Amino acid sequence: MTKERKARWLARQSQESLDRIRAVDAAAYRRRLEAETPAQSQARRGRNAEAHHLVRNRQSQRIRDEAIHFIEAQVETHNCGPMNIIEQL
């Protein structure tokens, strides 16, 4: 199901139905985690940690980029003529 279709379908469901769906999903997830071997569990935790690290890096980079664009927007520009002439200030 596409994300849009799923969102529309979920919007039509009653709160009771949503609660049942979430409970079934949580139970299935719990069973899957319980069936993992220690190596699988460690690999999953490593992937999760890496994903969180990437998200934090992207957020930090986006914040830095926004700060740079904000500072550049505050710079007053002027046209001093051709770029091959040295201007005496």
C-alpha atoms as a PDB file:
ATOM      1  CA  MET A   1       0.000   0.000   0.000  1.00  0.00           C
ATOM      2  CA  THR A   2       1.345   3.456  -0.805  1.00  0.00           C
ATOM      3  CA  LYS A   3       1.896   5.898   2.027  1.00  0.00           C
ATOM      4  CA  GLU A   4      -0.969   8.107   0.864  1.00  0.00           C
ATOM      5  CA  ARG A   5      -3.424   5.220   0.602  1.00  0.00           C
ATOM      6  CA  LYS A   6      -2.360   3.876   3.980  1.00  0.00           C
ATOM      7  CA  ALA A   7      -2.758   7.335   5.545  1.00  0.00           C
ATOM      8  CA  ARG A   8      -6.276   7.648   4.092  1.00  0.00           C
ATOM      9  CA  TRP A   9      -7.166   4.131   5.246  1.00  0.00           C
ATOM     10  CA  LEU A  10      -5.865   4.807   8.777  1.00  0.00           C
ATOM     11  CA  ALA A  11      -7.821   8.079   8.900  1.00  0.00           C
ATOM     12  CA  ARG A  12     -11.045   6.125   8.282  1.00  0.00           C
ATOM     13  CA  GLN A  13     -10.434   3.643  11.111  1.00  0.00           C
ATOM     14  CA  SER A  14     -11.937   3.999  14.578  1.00  0.00           C
ATOM     15  CA  GLN A  15      -9.694   4.526  17.586  1.00  0.00           C
ATOM     16  CA  GLU A  16     -10.491   0.988  18.765  1.00  0.00           C
ATOM     17  CA  SER A  17      -9.379  -0.459  15.436  1.00  0.00           C
ATOM     18  CA  LEU A  18      -6.188   1.595  15.523  1.00  0.00           C
ATOM     19  CA  ASP A  19      -5.459   0.404  19.058  1.00  0.00           C
ATOM     20  CA  ARG A  20      -5.945  -3.236  17.980  1.00  0.00           C
ATOM     21  CA  ILE A  21      -3.713  -2.750  14.934  1.00  0.00           C
ATOM     22  CA  ARG A  22      -0.975  -1.193  17.080  1.00  0.00           C
ATOM     23  CA  ALA A  23      -1.248  -3.993  19.655  1.00  0.00           C
ATOM     24  CA  VAL A  24      -0.906  -6.675  16.963  1.00  0.00           C
ATOM     25  CA  ASP A  25       2.060  -4.847  15.399  1.00  0.00           C
ATOM     26  CA  ALA A  26       3.753  -4.454  18.799  1.00  0.00           C
ATOM     27  CA  ALA A  27       3.256  -8.145  19.615  1.00  0.00           C
ATOM     28  CA  ALA A  28       4.695  -9.203  16.247  1.00  0.00           C
ATOM     29  CA  TYR A  29       7.697  -6.903  16.762  1.00  0.00           C
ATOM     30  CA  ARG A  30       8.237  -8.271  20.275  1.00  0.00           C
ATOM     31  CA  ARG A  31       8.125 -11.877  18.983  1.00  0.00           C
ATOM     32  CA  ARG A  32      10.590 -11.020  16.243  1.00  0.00           C
ATOM     33  CA  LEU A  33      13.018  -9.511  18.766  1.00  0.00           C
ATOM     34  CA  GLU A  34      12.672 -12.513  21.079  1.00  0.00           C
ATOM     35  CA  ALA A  35      13.487 -14.870  18.183  1.00  0.00           C
ATOM     36  CA  GLU A  36      16.719 -13.018  17.314  1.00  0.00           C
ATOM     37  CA  THR A  37      20.056 -14.599  18.021  1.00  0.00           C
ATOM     38  CA  PRO A  38      22.552 -12.501  20.005  1.00  0.00           C
ATOM     39  CA  ALA A  39      24.507 -11.820  16.797  1.00  0.00           C
ATOM     40  CA  GLN A  40      21.363 -10.645  14.990  1.00  0.00           C
ATOM     41  CA  SER A  41      20.444  -8.466  17.955  1.00  0.00           C
ATOM     42  CA  GLN A  42      23.897  -6.892  18.023  1.00  0.00           C
ATOM     43  CA  ALA A  43      23.794  -6.277  14.254  1.00  0.00           C
ATOM     44  CA  ARG A  44      20.334  -4.663  14.535  1.00  0.00           C
ATOM     45  CA  ARG A  45      21.513  -2.400  17.356  1.00  0.00           C
ATOM     46  CA  GLY A  46      24.549  -1.417  15.300  1.00  0.00           C
ATOM     47  CA  ARG A  47      22.376  -0.538  12.288  1.00  0.00           C
ATOM     48  CA  ASN A  48      20.030   1.478  14.511  1.00  0.00           C
ATOM     49  CA  ALA A  49      22.941   3.354  16.099  1.00  0.00           C
ATOM     50  CA  GLU A  50      24.388   4.144  12.664  1.00  0.00           C
ATOM     51  CA  ALA A  51      21.004   5.358  11.407  1.00  0.00           C
ATOM     52  CA  HIS A  52      20.600   7.644  14.423  1.00  0.00           C
ATOM     53  CA  HIS A  53      24.143   8.931  13.940  1.00  0.00           C
ATOM     54  CA  LEU A  54      23.413   9.757  10.280  1.00  0.00           C
ATOM     55  CA  VAL A  55      20.207  11.585  11.220  1.00  0.00           C
ATOM     56  CA  ARG A  56      22.024  13.672  13.832  1.00  0.00           C
ATOM     57  CA  ASN A  57      24.768  14.527  11.333  1.00  0.00           C
ATOM     58  CA  ARG A  58      22.228  15.581   8.697  1.00  0.00           C
ATOM     59  CA  GLN A  59      20.367  17.740  11.217  1.00  0.00           C
ATOM     60  CA  SER A  60      23.615  19.367  12.345  1.00  0.00           C
ATOM     61  CA  GLN A  61      24.660  20.007   8.743  1.00  0.00           C
ATOM     62  CA  ARG A  62      21.234  21.465   7.926  1.00  0.00           C
ATOM     63  CA  ILE A  63      21.487  23.812  10.922  1.00  0.00           C
ATOM     64  CA  ARG A  64      24.982  24.925   9.839  1.00  0.00           C
ATOM     65  CA  ASP A  65      23.787  25.441   6.249  1.00  0.00           C
ATOM     66  CA  GLU A  66      20.817  27.515   7.429  1.00  0.00           C
ATOM     67  CA  ALA A  67      23.135  29.663   9.558  1.00  0.00           C
ATOM     68  CA  ILE A  68      25.461  30.236   6.589  1.00  0.00           C
ATOM     69  CA  HIS A  69      22.574  31.168   4.288  1.00  0.00           C
ATOM     70  CA  PHE A  70      21.186  33.507   6.944  1.00  0.00           C
ATOM     71  CA  ILE A  71      24.565  35.231   7.338  1.00  0.00           C
ATOM     72  CA  GLU A  72      24.998  35.506   3.557  1.00  0.00           C
ATOM     73  CA  ALA A  73      21.542  37.073   3.293  1.00  0.00           C
ATOM     74  CA  GLN A  74      22.622  39.777   5.747  1.00  0.00           C
ATOM     75  CA  VAL A  75      25.684  40.793   3.696  1.00  0.00           C
ATOM     76  CA  GLU A  76      25.228  44.065   1.875  1.00  0.00           C
ATOM     77  CA  THR A  77      26.098  43.727  -1.793  1.00  0.00           C
ATOM     78  CA  HIS A  78      27.405  46.423  -4.083  1.00  0.00           C
ATOM     79  CA  ASN A  79      28.501  46.642  -7.684  1.00  0.00           C
ATOM     80  CA  CYS A  80      31.955  48.143  -7.933  1.00  0.00           C
ATOM     81  CA  GLY A  81      32.396  47.568 -11.643  1.00  0.00           C
ATOM     82  CA  PRO A  82      34.452  45.025 -13.554  1.00  0.00           C
ATOM     83  CA  MET A  83      36.129  42.351 -11.467  1.00  0.00           C
ATOM     84  CA  ASN A  84      39.504  42.800 -13.191  1.00  0.00           C
ATOM     85  CA  ILE A  85      40.028  46.267 -11.670  1.00  0.00           C
ATOM     86  CA  ILE A  86      41.381  46.636  -8.138  1.00  0.00           C
ATOM     87  CA  GLU A  87      39.308  49.169  -6.224  1.00  0.00           C
ATOM     88  CA  GLN A  88      40.992  51.468  -3.730  1.00  0.00           C
ATOM     89  CA  LEU A  89      38.877  51.732  -0.597  1.00  0.00           C
END
